[in-house]
């Protein structure tokens, strides 16, 4: 295991979003392209395509949107610098994440949660802002195999979104693969993980992309 990942696992509590995405990338899970910036001069070194998202990036701020720490659909350098200056005044001691935005698609949520009876479990459901409204999720105790992953998807009421409903292009097999990768993370890091939340994850015809990610260590 790479040193950067080992160092992360020595920590306790929440990780910053870039740290979680570093971990996901290590396990072969695609995320948005991102850069961490601290000062306005860092913005001139970005190798990212517009539109961009700007987020406060801190292990002390888990719910960024609630605190006004997320700005989406930034279209050019002028907008980026303007919003960076606003964020810098508001969160003066923090770093910031610049995210290359992805085209919207079918959204799912995948997570790891500590069940008081069964221990670390994996969940999948329809994601985005409607996760709590629909409560359309399925759970299994880790580790899972491919049959388990396929069965979990079958249990979701919104599975039609992954099966070509109204010609929506979303690849269900990629969700199965992602579930297996997240299960592997949970199984290998079971002594470290309290909970993980990947939401939303965009599902396309030929790829998946984790847009936002949270991880809390024991």
N, C-alpha and C. Protein backbone atom coordinates (compact mmCIF):
# COMPACT_ATOMS: atom_id res chain seq x y z
N UNK A 1 0.84 -1.20 0.00
CA UNK A 1 0.00 0.00 0.00
C UNK A 1 0.88 1.25 0.00
N UNK A 2 0.52 2.23 -0.82
CA UNK A 2 1.33 3.43 -0.92
C UNK A 2 1.39 4.18 0.40
N UNK A 3 2.51 4.87 0.60
CA UNK A 3 2.74 5.59 1.85
C UNK A 3 1.66 6.64 2.11
N UNK A 4 1.21 7.32 1.05
CA UNK A 4 0.20 8.37 1.22
C UNK A 4 -1.10 7.80 1.81
N UNK A 5 -1.45 6.57 1.41
CA UNK A 5 -2.66 5.94 1.93
C UNK A 5 -2.43 5.47 3.37
N UNK A 6 -1.27 4.91 3.64
CA UNK A 6 -0.95 4.50 5.01
C UNK A 6 -0.99 5.68 5.96
N UNK A 7 -0.49 6.83 5.50
CA UNK A 7 -0.49 8.03 6.34
C UNK A 7 -1.92 8.50 6.62
N UNK A 8 -2.79 8.41 5.61
CA UNK A 8 -4.19 8.80 5.81
C UNK A 8 -4.85 7.94 6.88
N UNK A 9 -4.53 6.64 6.86
CA UNK A 9 -5.19 5.70 7.77
C UNK A 9 -4.73 5.86 9.22
N UNK A 10 -3.67 6.63 9.44
CA UNK A 10 -3.22 6.90 10.80
C UNK A 10 -4.09 7.97 11.47
N UNK A 11 -4.90 8.64 10.66
CA UNK A 11 -5.72 9.74 11.16
C UNK A 11 -7.00 9.21 11.80
N UNK A 12 -7.71 10.11 12.47
CA UNK A 12 -9.01 9.79 13.04
C UNK A 12 -10.01 10.86 12.61
N UNK A 13 -11.28 10.48 12.54
CA UNK A 13 -12.31 11.43 12.16
C UNK A 13 -12.41 11.60 10.66
N UNK A 14 -12.95 12.73 10.23
CA UNK A 14 -13.23 12.98 8.82
C UNK A 14 -11.95 13.29 8.04
N UNK A 15 -11.93 12.84 6.79
CA UNK A 15 -10.89 13.24 5.86
C UNK A 15 -11.42 14.35 4.96
N UNK A 16 -10.52 15.16 4.41
CA UNK A 16 -10.92 16.15 3.42
C UNK A 16 -11.28 15.44 2.12
N UNK A 17 -12.08 16.11 1.27
CA UNK A 17 -12.59 15.46 0.06
C UNK A 17 -11.47 14.98 -0.86
N UNK A 18 -10.41 15.78 -1.02
CA UNK A 18 -9.32 15.35 -1.90
C UNK A 18 -8.63 14.10 -1.37
N UNK A 19 -8.56 13.95 -0.04
CA UNK A 19 -7.94 12.77 0.55
C UNK A 19 -8.78 11.52 0.28
N UNK A 20 -10.11 11.67 0.37
CA UNK A 20 -10.99 10.54 0.09
C UNK A 20 -10.87 10.15 -1.38
N UNK A 21 -10.83 11.14 -2.26
CA UNK A 21 -10.70 10.85 -3.68
C UNK A 21 -9.35 10.24 -4.02
N UNK A 22 -8.30 10.66 -3.31
CA UNK A 22 -6.99 10.01 -3.49
C UNK A 22 -7.09 8.52 -3.16
N UNK A 23 -7.79 8.21 -2.08
CA UNK A 23 -7.97 6.82 -1.67
C UNK A 23 -8.76 6.04 -2.72
N UNK A 24 -9.84 6.64 -3.21
CA UNK A 24 -10.66 5.98 -4.23
C UNK A 24 -9.85 5.73 -5.50
N UNK A 25 -9.09 6.72 -5.93
CA UNK A 25 -8.25 6.55 -7.12
C UNK A 25 -7.25 5.42 -6.94
N UNK A 26 -6.71 5.28 -5.73
CA UNK A 26 -5.76 4.21 -5.44
C UNK A 26 -6.41 2.84 -5.67
N UNK A 27 -7.72 2.74 -5.38
CA UNK A 27 -8.44 1.48 -5.56
C UNK A 27 -9.09 1.38 -6.96
N UNK A 28 -8.70 2.25 -7.87
CA UNK A 28 -9.18 2.15 -9.25
C UNK A 28 -10.58 2.68 -9.46
N UNK A 29 -11.04 3.57 -8.59
CA UNK A 29 -12.37 4.15 -8.71
C UNK A 29 -12.24 5.56 -9.28
N UNK A 30 -12.92 5.81 -10.38
CA UNK A 30 -12.80 7.11 -11.05
C UNK A 30 -13.57 8.18 -10.30
N UNK A 31 -12.92 9.32 -10.10
CA UNK A 31 -13.55 10.50 -9.50
C UNK A 31 -13.42 11.67 -10.47
N UNK A 32 -13.95 12.81 -10.07
CA UNK A 32 -13.71 14.02 -10.83
C UNK A 32 -12.21 14.33 -10.85
N UNK A 33 -11.78 15.09 -11.84
CA UNK A 33 -10.42 15.63 -11.83
C UNK A 33 -10.41 16.82 -10.89
N UNK A 34 -9.38 16.94 -10.08
CA UNK A 34 -9.40 17.97 -9.03
C UNK A 34 -8.00 18.45 -8.70
N UNK A 35 -7.94 19.68 -8.16
CA UNK A 35 -6.71 20.24 -7.65
C UNK A 35 -7.01 20.96 -6.34
N UNK A 36 -6.07 20.87 -5.42
CA UNK A 36 -6.18 21.60 -4.15
C UNK A 36 -5.42 22.91 -4.30
N UNK A 37 -6.06 24.02 -3.91
CA UNK A 37 -5.43 25.34 -4.01
C UNK A 37 -5.48 26.03 -2.65
N UNK A 38 -4.48 26.87 -2.42
CA UNK A 38 -4.41 27.61 -1.15
C UNK A 38 -4.42 29.12 -1.37
N UNK A 39 -3.76 29.57 -2.44
CA UNK A 39 -3.66 31.00 -2.73
C UNK A 39 -4.10 31.25 -4.17
N UNK A 40 -4.42 32.49 -4.46
CA UNK A 40 -5.01 32.80 -5.77
C UNK A 40 -4.04 32.49 -6.91
N UNK A 41 -2.73 32.54 -6.62
CA UNK A 41 -1.75 32.23 -7.65
C UNK A 41 -1.85 30.77 -8.11
N UNK A 42 -2.36 29.90 -7.24
CA UNK A 42 -2.52 28.49 -7.59
C UNK A 42 -3.51 28.30 -8.74
N UNK A 43 -4.43 29.24 -8.90
CA UNK A 43 -5.46 29.10 -9.92
C UNK A 43 -4.87 29.17 -11.33
N UNK A 44 -3.72 29.83 -11.46
CA UNK A 44 -3.09 29.96 -12.77
C UNK A 44 -2.39 28.67 -13.20
N UNK A 45 -2.26 27.72 -12.29
CA UNK A 45 -1.55 26.48 -12.59
C UNK A 45 -2.50 25.31 -12.85
N UNK A 46 -3.78 25.58 -12.89
CA UNK A 46 -4.76 24.50 -13.04
C UNK A 46 -4.75 23.93 -14.45
N UNK A 47 -4.83 22.62 -14.54
CA UNK A 47 -4.95 21.93 -15.83
C UNK A 47 -6.32 21.27 -15.89
N UNK A 48 -7.35 22.09 -15.75
CA UNK A 48 -8.73 21.61 -15.70
C UNK A 48 -9.58 22.38 -16.69
N UNK A 49 -10.61 21.73 -17.19
CA UNK A 49 -11.49 22.35 -18.19
C UNK A 49 -12.75 22.90 -17.51
N UNK A 50 -13.19 24.07 -17.97
CA UNK A 50 -14.45 24.62 -17.48
C UNK A 50 -15.62 23.84 -18.07
N UNK A 51 -16.77 23.83 -17.35
CA UNK A 51 -17.06 24.50 -16.07
C UNK A 51 -16.41 23.79 -14.88
N UNK A 52 -16.17 24.59 -13.84
CA UNK A 52 -15.52 24.09 -12.63
C UNK A 52 -16.41 24.29 -11.41
N UNK A 53 -16.10 23.53 -10.38
CA UNK A 53 -16.73 23.73 -9.07
C UNK A 53 -15.63 24.12 -8.09
N UNK A 54 -15.96 25.03 -7.19
CA UNK A 54 -15.03 25.44 -6.13
C UNK A 54 -15.65 25.04 -4.80
N UNK A 55 -14.85 24.34 -3.98
CA UNK A 55 -15.36 23.85 -2.70
C UNK A 55 -14.35 24.12 -1.60
N UNK A 56 -14.85 24.44 -0.42
CA UNK A 56 -13.95 24.47 0.73
C UNK A 56 -13.50 23.03 0.99
N UNK A 57 -12.22 22.86 1.30
CA UNK A 57 -11.64 21.52 1.39
C UNK A 57 -10.99 21.36 2.77
N UNK A 58 -11.74 20.75 3.68
CA UNK A 58 -11.28 20.67 5.06
C UNK A 58 -11.83 19.43 5.74
N UNK A 59 -11.01 18.81 6.58
CA UNK A 59 -11.51 17.67 7.35
C UNK A 59 -12.38 18.12 8.51
N UNK A 60 -12.47 19.43 8.73
CA UNK A 60 -13.32 19.96 9.81
C UNK A 60 -14.70 20.37 9.31
N UNK A 61 -14.89 20.39 7.98
CA UNK A 61 -16.16 20.81 7.40
C UNK A 61 -16.70 19.66 6.55
N UNK A 62 -17.61 18.89 7.13
CA UNK A 62 -18.14 17.70 6.45
C UNK A 62 -19.27 18.06 5.49
N UNK A 63 -20.13 19.00 5.90
CA UNK A 63 -21.29 19.38 5.08
C UNK A 63 -21.04 20.76 4.48
N UNK A 64 -20.31 20.76 3.39
CA UNK A 64 -19.84 22.00 2.76
C UNK A 64 -21.00 22.87 2.27
N UNK A 65 -21.99 22.23 1.64
CA UNK A 65 -23.09 22.98 1.05
C UNK A 65 -23.87 23.74 2.12
N UNK A 66 -24.07 23.14 3.27
CA UNK A 66 -24.84 23.77 4.36
C UNK A 66 -24.20 25.07 4.82
N UNK A 67 -22.89 25.17 4.68
CA UNK A 67 -22.17 26.36 5.14
C UNK A 67 -21.83 27.32 4.00
N UNK A 68 -22.40 27.07 2.82
CA UNK A 68 -22.13 27.94 1.69
C UNK A 68 -20.72 27.76 1.15
N UNK A 69 -20.21 26.55 1.26
CA UNK A 69 -18.84 26.29 0.85
C UNK A 69 -18.71 25.60 -0.48
N UNK A 70 -19.72 25.71 -1.35
CA UNK A 70 -19.67 25.09 -2.68
C UNK A 70 -20.22 26.08 -3.71
N UNK A 71 -19.47 26.28 -4.77
CA UNK A 71 -19.93 27.09 -5.91
C UNK A 71 -19.77 26.27 -7.17
N UNK A 72 -20.88 26.06 -7.89
CA UNK A 72 -20.88 25.21 -9.08
C UNK A 72 -20.95 26.04 -10.36
N UNK A 73 -20.65 25.38 -11.47
CA UNK A 73 -20.81 25.96 -12.81
C UNK A 73 -20.04 27.25 -13.01
N UNK A 74 -18.81 27.29 -12.53
CA UNK A 74 -17.93 28.43 -12.79
C UNK A 74 -17.42 28.32 -14.22
N UNK A 75 -17.61 29.39 -15.00
CA UNK A 75 -17.42 29.29 -16.45
C UNK A 75 -16.09 29.82 -16.99
N UNK A 76 -15.37 30.63 -16.20
CA UNK A 76 -14.14 31.23 -16.73
C UNK A 76 -13.22 31.66 -15.58
N UNK A 77 -12.03 32.13 -15.96
CA UNK A 77 -11.03 32.53 -14.96
C UNK A 77 -11.52 33.64 -14.06
N UNK A 78 -12.21 34.61 -14.65
CA UNK A 78 -12.69 35.75 -13.87
C UNK A 78 -13.65 35.30 -12.77
N UNK A 79 -14.58 34.45 -13.14
CA UNK A 79 -15.54 33.91 -12.15
C UNK A 79 -14.82 33.12 -11.07
N UNK A 80 -13.84 32.32 -11.49
CA UNK A 80 -13.11 31.49 -10.54
C UNK A 80 -12.37 32.34 -9.52
N UNK A 81 -11.67 33.37 -9.97
CA UNK A 81 -10.92 34.23 -9.06
C UNK A 81 -11.86 35.00 -8.13
N UNK A 82 -12.97 35.47 -8.67
CA UNK A 82 -13.96 36.20 -7.86
C UNK A 82 -14.49 35.33 -6.73
N UNK A 83 -14.87 34.10 -7.05
CA UNK A 83 -15.42 33.20 -6.03
C UNK A 83 -14.35 32.72 -5.07
N UNK A 84 -13.13 32.55 -5.56
CA UNK A 84 -12.04 32.17 -4.67
C UNK A 84 -11.83 33.25 -3.61
N UNK A 85 -11.84 34.50 -4.01
CA UNK A 85 -11.65 35.60 -3.05
C UNK A 85 -12.76 35.64 -2.01
N UNK A 86 -13.98 35.35 -2.44
CA UNK A 86 -15.12 35.31 -1.50
C UNK A 86 -14.92 34.18 -0.49
N UNK A 87 -14.55 33.00 -1.01
CA UNK A 87 -14.34 31.84 -0.14
C UNK A 87 -13.17 32.08 0.81
N UNK A 88 -12.13 32.72 0.31
CA UNK A 88 -10.94 32.96 1.12
C UNK A 88 -11.26 33.84 2.33
N UNK A 89 -12.14 34.79 2.14
CA UNK A 89 -12.56 35.64 3.26
C UNK A 89 -13.44 34.86 4.24
N UNK A 90 -14.28 33.99 3.69
CA UNK A 90 -15.24 33.25 4.52
C UNK A 90 -14.57 32.11 5.27
N UNK A 91 -13.62 31.43 4.61
CA UNK A 91 -12.92 30.28 5.21
C UNK A 91 -11.41 30.54 5.17
N UNK A 92 -10.98 31.54 5.91
CA UNK A 92 -9.63 32.08 5.77
C UNK A 92 -8.52 31.08 6.09
N UNK A 93 -8.81 30.09 6.92
CA UNK A 93 -7.77 29.15 7.35
C UNK A 93 -7.77 27.83 6.57
N UNK A 94 -8.67 27.73 5.58
CA UNK A 94 -8.84 26.45 4.89
C UNK A 94 -8.24 26.46 3.48
N UNK A 95 -8.04 25.25 2.95
CA UNK A 95 -7.68 25.09 1.56
C UNK A 95 -8.96 24.88 0.74
N UNK A 96 -8.81 24.85 -0.58
CA UNK A 96 -9.98 24.76 -1.44
C UNK A 96 -9.74 23.73 -2.55
N UNK A 97 -10.83 23.10 -2.96
CA UNK A 97 -10.78 22.09 -4.01
C UNK A 97 -11.42 22.67 -5.26
N UNK A 98 -10.70 22.60 -6.38
CA UNK A 98 -11.27 22.97 -7.67
C UNK A 98 -11.54 21.67 -8.42
N UNK A 99 -12.81 21.46 -8.76
CA UNK A 99 -13.28 20.22 -9.36
C UNK A 99 -13.70 20.47 -10.80
N UNK A 100 -13.26 19.62 -11.71
CA UNK A 100 -13.77 19.69 -13.07
C UNK A 100 -15.14 19.04 -13.11
N UNK A 101 -16.16 19.80 -13.49
CA UNK A 101 -17.53 19.29 -13.43
C UNK A 101 -17.79 18.28 -14.54
N UNK A 102 -18.66 17.34 -14.25
CA UNK A 102 -19.05 16.29 -15.19
C UNK A 102 -20.50 16.51 -15.63
N UNK A 103 -20.80 16.06 -16.84
CA UNK A 103 -22.18 16.14 -17.33
C UNK A 103 -23.08 15.28 -16.45
N UNK A 104 -24.24 15.83 -16.09
CA UNK A 104 -25.15 15.12 -15.20
C UNK A 104 -25.65 13.84 -15.86
N UNK A 105 -25.88 12.82 -15.03
CA UNK A 105 -26.38 11.54 -15.51
C UNK A 105 -27.18 10.90 -14.38
N UNK A 106 -27.46 9.62 -14.51
CA UNK A 106 -28.14 8.90 -13.43
C UNK A 106 -27.26 8.97 -12.18
N UNK A 107 -27.87 9.32 -11.04
CA UNK A 107 -27.13 9.47 -9.80
C UNK A 107 -27.44 8.34 -8.84
N UNK A 108 -26.39 7.74 -8.30
CA UNK A 108 -26.58 6.75 -7.24
C UNK A 108 -25.74 7.14 -6.03
N UNK A 109 -26.03 6.50 -4.92
CA UNK A 109 -25.22 6.62 -3.72
C UNK A 109 -24.69 5.24 -3.37
N UNK A 110 -23.43 5.18 -3.00
CA UNK A 110 -22.83 3.96 -2.48
C UNK A 110 -22.12 4.31 -1.18
N UNK A 111 -22.27 3.49 -0.18
CA UNK A 111 -21.63 3.82 1.09
C UNK A 111 -21.24 2.60 1.90
N UNK A 112 -20.45 2.87 2.92
CA UNK A 112 -20.10 1.89 3.94
C UNK A 112 -20.58 2.44 5.28
N UNK A 113 -21.28 1.61 6.05
CA UNK A 113 -21.82 2.05 7.33
C UNK A 113 -21.60 0.97 8.38
N UNK A 114 -21.41 1.40 9.59
CA UNK A 114 -21.25 0.48 10.71
C UNK A 114 -22.63 0.11 11.26
N UNK A 115 -23.04 -1.13 11.07
CA UNK A 115 -24.29 -1.62 11.64
C UNK A 115 -24.00 -2.15 13.04
N UNK A 116 -24.80 -1.74 14.04
CA UNK A 116 -24.52 -2.17 15.42
C UNK A 116 -24.59 -3.67 15.62
N UNK A 117 -25.33 -4.38 14.77
CA UNK A 117 -25.46 -5.82 14.89
C UNK A 117 -24.50 -6.58 13.98
N UNK A 118 -24.44 -6.15 12.71
CA UNK A 118 -23.72 -6.93 11.71
C UNK A 118 -22.32 -6.40 11.38
N UNK A 119 -21.99 -5.22 11.86
CA UNK A 119 -20.68 -4.65 11.56
C UNK A 119 -20.69 -3.86 10.27
N UNK A 120 -19.52 -3.71 9.64
CA UNK A 120 -19.40 -2.85 8.47
C UNK A 120 -20.21 -3.43 7.30
N UNK A 121 -21.09 -2.61 6.76
CA UNK A 121 -21.99 -3.03 5.69
C UNK A 121 -21.90 -2.05 4.53
N UNK A 122 -22.26 -2.54 3.34
CA UNK A 122 -22.25 -1.72 2.15
C UNK A 122 -23.67 -1.44 1.72
N UNK A 123 -23.91 -0.25 1.19
CA UNK A 123 -25.25 0.11 0.75
C UNK A 123 -25.18 0.76 -0.63
N UNK A 124 -26.28 0.63 -1.37
CA UNK A 124 -26.41 1.28 -2.67
C UNK A 124 -27.85 1.75 -2.82
N UNK A 125 -28.03 2.87 -3.50
CA UNK A 125 -29.38 3.38 -3.71
C UNK A 125 -29.36 4.49 -4.74
N UNK A 126 -30.54 4.99 -5.03
CA UNK A 126 -30.65 6.15 -5.92
C UNK A 126 -30.09 7.35 -5.18
N UNK A 127 -29.20 8.10 -5.83
CA UNK A 127 -28.44 9.12 -5.12
C UNK A 127 -28.93 10.53 -5.36
N UNK A 128 -28.03 11.48 -5.11
CA UNK A 128 -28.34 12.89 -5.27
C UNK A 128 -29.17 13.41 -4.12
N UNK A 129 -29.91 14.47 -4.38
CA UNK A 129 -30.66 15.15 -3.33
C UNK A 129 -31.89 14.36 -2.88
N UNK A 130 -32.26 13.31 -3.62
CA UNK A 130 -33.47 12.56 -3.30
C UNK A 130 -33.21 11.31 -2.47
N UNK A 131 -31.98 11.11 -2.06
CA UNK A 131 -31.61 9.90 -1.32
C UNK A 131 -32.49 9.72 -0.08
N UNK A 132 -32.57 10.75 0.75
CA UNK A 132 -33.32 10.65 2.00
C UNK A 132 -34.82 10.63 1.75
N UNK A 133 -35.26 11.27 0.66
CA UNK A 133 -36.69 11.32 0.36
C UNK A 133 -37.24 9.94 -0.01
N UNK A 134 -36.55 9.25 -0.91
CA UNK A 134 -37.05 7.97 -1.42
C UNK A 134 -36.68 6.79 -0.53
N UNK A 135 -35.58 6.91 0.21
CA UNK A 135 -35.09 5.81 1.06
C UNK A 135 -35.05 4.51 0.26
N UNK A 136 -34.58 4.62 -0.98
CA UNK A 136 -34.55 3.48 -1.89
C UNK A 136 -33.14 2.90 -1.89
N UNK A 137 -32.85 2.08 -0.87
CA UNK A 137 -31.48 1.56 -0.70
C UNK A 137 -31.51 0.07 -0.38
N UNK A 138 -30.36 -0.56 -0.62
CA UNK A 138 -30.18 -1.97 -0.31
C UNK A 138 -28.86 -2.15 0.44
N UNK A 139 -28.82 -3.08 1.39
CA UNK A 139 -27.64 -3.28 2.24
C UNK A 139 -27.17 -4.73 2.18
N UNK A 140 -25.87 -4.90 2.37
CA UNK A 140 -25.27 -6.21 2.59
C UNK A 140 -24.08 -6.05 3.54
N UNK A 141 -23.79 -7.10 4.29
CA UNK A 141 -22.57 -7.13 5.11
C UNK A 141 -21.40 -7.41 4.18
N UNK A 142 -20.30 -6.69 4.37
CA UNK A 142 -19.12 -6.95 3.54
C UNK A 142 -18.33 -8.13 4.11
N UNK A 143 -17.56 -8.81 3.25
CA UNK A 143 -17.39 -8.56 1.82
C UNK A 143 -18.53 -9.16 1.01
N UNK A 144 -18.75 -8.59 -0.19
CA UNK A 144 -19.76 -9.13 -1.09
C UNK A 144 -19.09 -9.68 -2.34
N UNK A 145 -19.81 -10.57 -3.04
CA UNK A 145 -19.33 -11.06 -4.34
C UNK A 145 -20.24 -10.48 -5.43
N UNK A 146 -19.97 -10.86 -6.66
CA UNK A 146 -20.72 -10.30 -7.79
C UNK A 146 -22.22 -10.63 -7.69
N UNK A 147 -22.55 -11.83 -7.26
CA UNK A 147 -23.97 -12.19 -7.10
C UNK A 147 -24.65 -11.26 -6.10
N UNK A 148 -23.98 -10.99 -4.98
CA UNK A 148 -24.54 -10.08 -3.97
C UNK A 148 -24.79 -8.70 -4.56
N UNK A 149 -23.79 -8.20 -5.30
CA UNK A 149 -23.89 -6.87 -5.88
C UNK A 149 -25.06 -6.78 -6.86
N UNK A 150 -25.20 -7.80 -7.70
CA UNK A 150 -26.30 -7.82 -8.66
C UNK A 150 -27.65 -7.89 -7.94
N UNK A 151 -27.70 -8.66 -6.87
CA UNK A 151 -28.93 -8.79 -6.10
C UNK A 151 -29.30 -7.48 -5.41
N UNK A 152 -28.30 -6.76 -4.92
CA UNK A 152 -28.55 -5.46 -4.29
C UNK A 152 -29.22 -4.50 -5.27
N UNK A 153 -28.72 -4.46 -6.49
CA UNK A 153 -29.30 -3.56 -7.49
C UNK A 153 -30.73 -3.97 -7.82
N UNK A 154 -30.98 -5.28 -7.86
CA UNK A 154 -32.33 -5.78 -8.14
C UNK A 154 -33.32 -5.32 -7.08
N UNK A 155 -32.85 -5.09 -5.87
CA UNK A 155 -33.74 -4.71 -4.77
C UNK A 155 -34.11 -3.23 -4.77
N UNK A 156 -33.42 -2.43 -5.59
CA UNK A 156 -33.69 -0.99 -5.63
C UNK A 156 -34.88 -0.72 -6.54
N UNK A 157 -35.84 0.04 -6.04
CA UNK A 157 -37.02 0.36 -6.86
C UNK A 157 -36.63 1.16 -8.10
N UNK A 158 -35.59 1.99 -7.97
CA UNK A 158 -35.17 2.82 -9.09
C UNK A 158 -34.22 2.14 -10.05
N UNK A 159 -34.14 0.82 -10.01
CA UNK A 159 -33.18 0.09 -10.86
C UNK A 159 -33.44 0.31 -12.34
N UNK A 160 -34.68 0.69 -12.71
CA UNK A 160 -35.00 0.90 -14.12
C UNK A 160 -34.15 2.02 -14.72
N UNK A 161 -33.69 2.94 -13.86
CA UNK A 161 -32.82 4.01 -14.35
C UNK A 161 -31.49 3.46 -14.86
N UNK A 162 -31.15 2.24 -14.43
CA UNK A 162 -29.91 1.59 -14.85
C UNK A 162 -30.15 0.54 -15.93
N UNK A 163 -31.39 0.49 -16.42
CA UNK A 163 -31.75 -0.55 -17.38
C UNK A 163 -32.35 0.01 -18.66
N UNK A 164 -31.96 1.24 -19.00
CA UNK A 164 -32.41 1.82 -20.26
C UNK A 164 -33.76 2.49 -20.22
N UNK A 165 -34.28 2.81 -19.04
CA UNK A 165 -35.58 3.47 -18.91
C UNK A 165 -35.58 4.77 -19.71
N UNK A 166 -36.54 4.93 -20.61
CA UNK A 166 -36.67 6.11 -21.47
C UNK A 166 -35.34 6.45 -22.17
N UNK A 167 -34.67 5.40 -22.60
CA UNK A 167 -33.41 5.53 -23.35
C UNK A 167 -32.29 6.20 -22.56
N UNK A 168 -32.38 6.16 -21.24
CA UNK A 168 -31.30 6.67 -20.42
C UNK A 168 -30.10 5.75 -20.55
N UNK A 169 -28.94 6.33 -20.83
CA UNK A 169 -27.73 5.55 -21.03
C UNK A 169 -26.96 5.43 -19.72
N UNK A 170 -27.17 4.35 -19.00
CA UNK A 170 -26.46 4.10 -17.74
C UNK A 170 -26.15 2.62 -17.65
N UNK A 171 -24.90 2.30 -17.37
CA UNK A 171 -24.41 0.93 -17.43
C UNK A 171 -24.48 0.26 -16.05
N UNK A 172 -25.42 -0.66 -15.89
CA UNK A 172 -25.62 -1.35 -14.62
C UNK A 172 -24.40 -2.17 -14.22
N UNK A 173 -23.71 -2.75 -15.21
CA UNK A 173 -22.54 -3.58 -14.91
C UNK A 173 -21.44 -2.76 -14.22
N UNK A 174 -21.34 -1.48 -14.58
CA UNK A 174 -20.34 -0.62 -13.95
C UNK A 174 -20.68 -0.37 -12.48
N UNK A 175 -21.96 -0.37 -12.16
CA UNK A 175 -22.37 -0.22 -10.76
C UNK A 175 -21.98 -1.47 -9.97
N UNK A 176 -22.16 -2.63 -10.58
CA UNK A 176 -21.73 -3.88 -9.95
C UNK A 176 -20.23 -3.84 -9.65
N UNK A 177 -19.45 -3.43 -10.65
CA UNK A 177 -17.99 -3.35 -10.47
C UNK A 177 -17.63 -2.37 -9.36
N UNK A 178 -18.33 -1.23 -9.31
CA UNK A 178 -18.05 -0.23 -8.27
C UNK A 178 -18.38 -0.78 -6.89
N UNK A 179 -19.49 -1.49 -6.77
CA UNK A 179 -19.84 -2.09 -5.49
C UNK A 179 -18.75 -3.05 -5.01
N UNK A 180 -18.20 -3.82 -5.93
CA UNK A 180 -17.16 -4.78 -5.56
C UNK A 180 -15.88 -4.05 -5.12
N UNK A 181 -15.56 -2.94 -5.77
CA UNK A 181 -14.38 -2.17 -5.38
C UNK A 181 -14.56 -1.52 -4.01
N UNK A 182 -15.75 -1.00 -3.75
CA UNK A 182 -16.02 -0.38 -2.45
C UNK A 182 -16.02 -1.45 -1.36
N UNK A 183 -16.56 -2.63 -1.68
CA UNK A 183 -16.53 -3.74 -0.73
C UNK A 183 -15.09 -4.11 -0.39
N UNK A 184 -14.23 -4.09 -1.40
CA UNK A 184 -12.81 -4.40 -1.17
C UNK A 184 -12.17 -3.37 -0.24
N UNK A 185 -12.49 -2.10 -0.47
CA UNK A 185 -11.98 -1.06 0.43
C UNK A 185 -12.41 -1.35 1.86
N UNK A 186 -13.71 -1.62 2.03
CA UNK A 186 -14.23 -1.89 3.36
C UNK A 186 -13.59 -3.10 4.01
N UNK A 187 -13.39 -4.14 3.22
CA UNK A 187 -12.83 -5.38 3.75
C UNK A 187 -11.36 -5.19 4.16
N UNK A 188 -10.59 -4.49 3.32
CA UNK A 188 -9.17 -4.31 3.60
C UNK A 188 -8.93 -3.27 4.70
N UNK A 189 -9.84 -2.31 4.83
CA UNK A 189 -9.65 -1.22 5.80
C UNK A 189 -10.68 -1.28 6.91
N UNK A 190 -11.18 -2.48 7.19
CA UNK A 190 -12.30 -2.64 8.13
C UNK A 190 -11.96 -2.14 9.54
N UNK A 191 -10.68 -2.17 9.89
CA UNK A 191 -10.28 -1.70 11.22
C UNK A 191 -10.18 -0.19 11.30
N UNK A 192 -10.32 0.49 10.16
CA UNK A 192 -10.14 1.94 10.12
C UNK A 192 -11.42 2.71 9.83
N UNK A 193 -12.31 2.13 9.02
CA UNK A 193 -13.45 2.88 8.50
C UNK A 193 -14.64 2.86 9.46
N UNK A 194 -15.15 4.05 9.75
CA UNK A 194 -16.41 4.17 10.48
C UNK A 194 -17.56 4.28 9.48
N UNK A 195 -17.42 5.18 8.50
CA UNK A 195 -18.41 5.25 7.43
C UNK A 195 -17.84 5.96 6.20
N UNK A 196 -18.38 5.61 5.05
CA UNK A 196 -18.01 6.23 3.77
C UNK A 196 -19.28 6.55 3.01
N UNK A 197 -19.27 7.70 2.34
CA UNK A 197 -20.46 8.15 1.61
C UNK A 197 -20.02 8.69 0.26
N UNK A 198 -20.36 7.98 -0.81
CA UNK A 198 -20.08 8.44 -2.17
C UNK A 198 -21.42 8.88 -2.77
N UNK A 199 -21.62 10.18 -2.85
CA UNK A 199 -22.93 10.69 -3.26
C UNK A 199 -22.82 12.15 -3.70
N UNK A 200 -23.14 12.41 -4.98
CA UNK A 200 -23.62 11.44 -5.97
C UNK A 200 -22.48 10.76 -6.72
N UNK A 201 -22.81 9.61 -7.28
CA UNK A 201 -21.96 8.95 -8.26
C UNK A 201 -22.74 8.98 -9.58
N UNK A 202 -22.15 9.57 -10.62
CA UNK A 202 -22.80 9.62 -11.92
C UNK A 202 -22.50 8.33 -12.69
N UNK A 203 -23.54 7.75 -13.27
CA UNK A 203 -23.41 6.51 -14.04
C UNK A 203 -23.69 6.80 -15.50
N UNK A 204 -22.71 6.52 -16.35
CA UNK A 204 -22.85 6.74 -17.78
C UNK A 204 -22.88 5.40 -18.51
N UNK A 205 -22.91 5.47 -19.83
CA UNK A 205 -22.92 4.26 -20.64
C UNK A 205 -21.56 3.55 -20.59
N UNK A 206 -20.48 4.33 -20.47
CA UNK A 206 -19.14 3.75 -20.58
C UNK A 206 -18.23 4.05 -19.39
N UNK A 207 -18.75 4.71 -18.36
CA UNK A 207 -17.91 5.02 -17.20
C UNK A 207 -18.79 5.40 -16.01
N UNK A 208 -18.15 5.44 -14.85
CA UNK A 208 -18.77 6.02 -13.65
C UNK A 208 -17.86 7.14 -13.17
N UNK A 209 -18.42 8.05 -12.38
CA UNK A 209 -17.59 9.12 -11.81
C UNK A 209 -18.14 9.51 -10.44
N UNK A 210 -17.29 9.40 -9.42
CA UNK A 210 -17.67 9.83 -8.08
C UNK A 210 -17.53 11.35 -8.01
N UNK A 211 -18.64 12.03 -7.75
CA UNK A 211 -18.64 13.49 -7.73
C UNK A 211 -18.27 14.04 -6.36
N UNK A 212 -18.85 13.46 -5.33
CA UNK A 212 -18.55 13.91 -3.97
C UNK A 212 -18.32 12.69 -3.10
N UNK A 213 -17.41 12.82 -2.13
CA UNK A 213 -17.05 11.66 -1.32
C UNK A 213 -16.69 12.09 0.10
N UNK A 214 -17.21 11.35 1.06
CA UNK A 214 -16.90 11.59 2.47
C UNK A 214 -16.42 10.28 3.10
N UNK A 215 -15.51 10.39 4.04
CA UNK A 215 -15.00 9.22 4.75
C UNK A 215 -14.65 9.62 6.17
N UNK A 216 -15.18 8.86 7.12
CA UNK A 216 -14.88 9.08 8.53
C UNK A 216 -14.14 7.86 9.06
N UNK A 217 -12.97 8.09 9.64
CA UNK A 217 -12.16 7.02 10.20
C UNK A 217 -12.44 6.87 11.68
N UNK A 218 -12.29 5.65 12.17
CA UNK A 218 -12.50 5.37 13.60
C UNK A 218 -11.50 6.14 14.45
